[in-house]
């Protein structure tokens, strides 16, 4: 709830710089916040899974002599 208010305020402030108003910026700011709340955790989870798979794959490879 507070995140939505902050995102709306930031979006409104950015949109008001062009002198036309801030309603569209507030809407876009809240929309971007809602998307980021879902995408960022999913990206972190996916990245962790990829790193974990690479680590396990490297550990299962037989050691080569120098």
Protein backbone atom coordinates (compact mmCIF):
# COMPACT_ATOMS: atom_id res chain seq x y z
CA UNK A 1 0.00 0.00 0.00
CA UNK A 2 2.72 2.46 0.95
CA UNK A 3 4.81 1.26 -2.01
CA UNK A 4 1.94 2.09 -4.36
CA UNK A 5 1.65 5.58 -2.88
CA UNK A 6 5.38 6.21 -3.21
CA UNK A 7 5.43 4.88 -6.78
CA UNK A 8 2.47 7.09 -7.68
CA UNK A 9 4.12 10.13 -6.13
CA UNK A 10 7.41 9.49 -7.98
CA UNK A 11 5.59 8.90 -11.27
CA UNK A 12 3.52 12.05 -10.81
CA UNK A 13 6.62 14.09 -10.03
CA UNK A 14 8.40 12.82 -13.14
CA UNK A 15 5.36 13.44 -15.36
CA UNK A 16 4.79 16.98 -14.03
CA UNK A 17 8.22 18.06 -15.31
CA UNK A 18 6.81 18.46 -18.82
CA UNK A 19 4.15 20.86 -17.52
CA UNK A 20 1.09 18.86 -18.61
CA UNK A 21 0.08 17.25 -15.33
CA UNK A 22 0.88 14.13 -13.41
CA UNK A 23 -2.02 11.68 -13.56
CA UNK A 24 -0.58 9.51 -16.33
CA UNK A 25 2.81 9.42 -14.60
CA UNK A 26 1.19 8.34 -11.34
CA UNK A 27 -0.64 5.52 -13.11
CA UNK A 28 2.52 4.41 -14.92
CA UNK A 29 4.54 4.63 -11.70
CA UNK A 30 2.13 2.36 -9.85
CA UNK A 31 2.02 -0.01 -12.84
CA UNK A 32 5.81 -0.23 -12.97
CA UNK A 33 5.90 -0.91 -9.22
CA UNK A 34 3.35 -3.72 -9.53
CA UNK A 35 5.31 -5.34 -12.38
CA UNK A 36 8.62 -4.98 -10.52
CA UNK A 37 7.17 -6.63 -7.40
CA UNK A 38 6.54 -9.77 -9.44
CA UNK A 39 9.41 -9.78 -11.92
CA UNK A 40 12.37 -9.04 -9.64
CA UNK A 41 11.79 -11.95 -7.21
CA UNK A 42 11.18 -14.31 -10.13
CA UNK A 43 14.39 -13.15 -11.83
CA UNK A 44 16.36 -13.66 -8.61
CA UNK A 45 14.92 -17.14 -8.18
CA UNK A 46 15.67 -18.08 -11.78
CA UNK A 47 19.21 -16.69 -11.54
CA UNK A 48 19.84 -18.64 -8.35
CA UNK A 49 18.58 -21.82 -9.98
CA UNK A 50 20.90 -21.32 -12.95
CA UNK A 51 23.90 -20.67 -10.70
CA UNK A 52 23.04 -23.71 -8.59
CA UNK A 53 22.75 -25.91 -11.67
CA UNK A 54 26.12 -24.69 -12.97
CA UNK A 55 27.73 -25.33 -9.58
CA UNK A 56 26.34 -28.86 -9.33
CA UNK A 57 27.30 -29.58 -12.94
CA UNK A 58 30.87 -28.43 -12.31
CA UNK A 59 31.11 -30.53 -9.14
CA UNK A 60 29.96 -33.66 -10.99
CA UNK A 61 32.58 -33.31 -13.75
CA UNK A 62 35.62 -35.56 -13.25
CA UNK A 63 38.80 -33.68 -12.34
CA UNK A 64 41.32 -33.39 -15.17
CA UNK A 65 45.07 -33.74 -14.59
CA UNK A 66 47.15 -30.63 -15.33
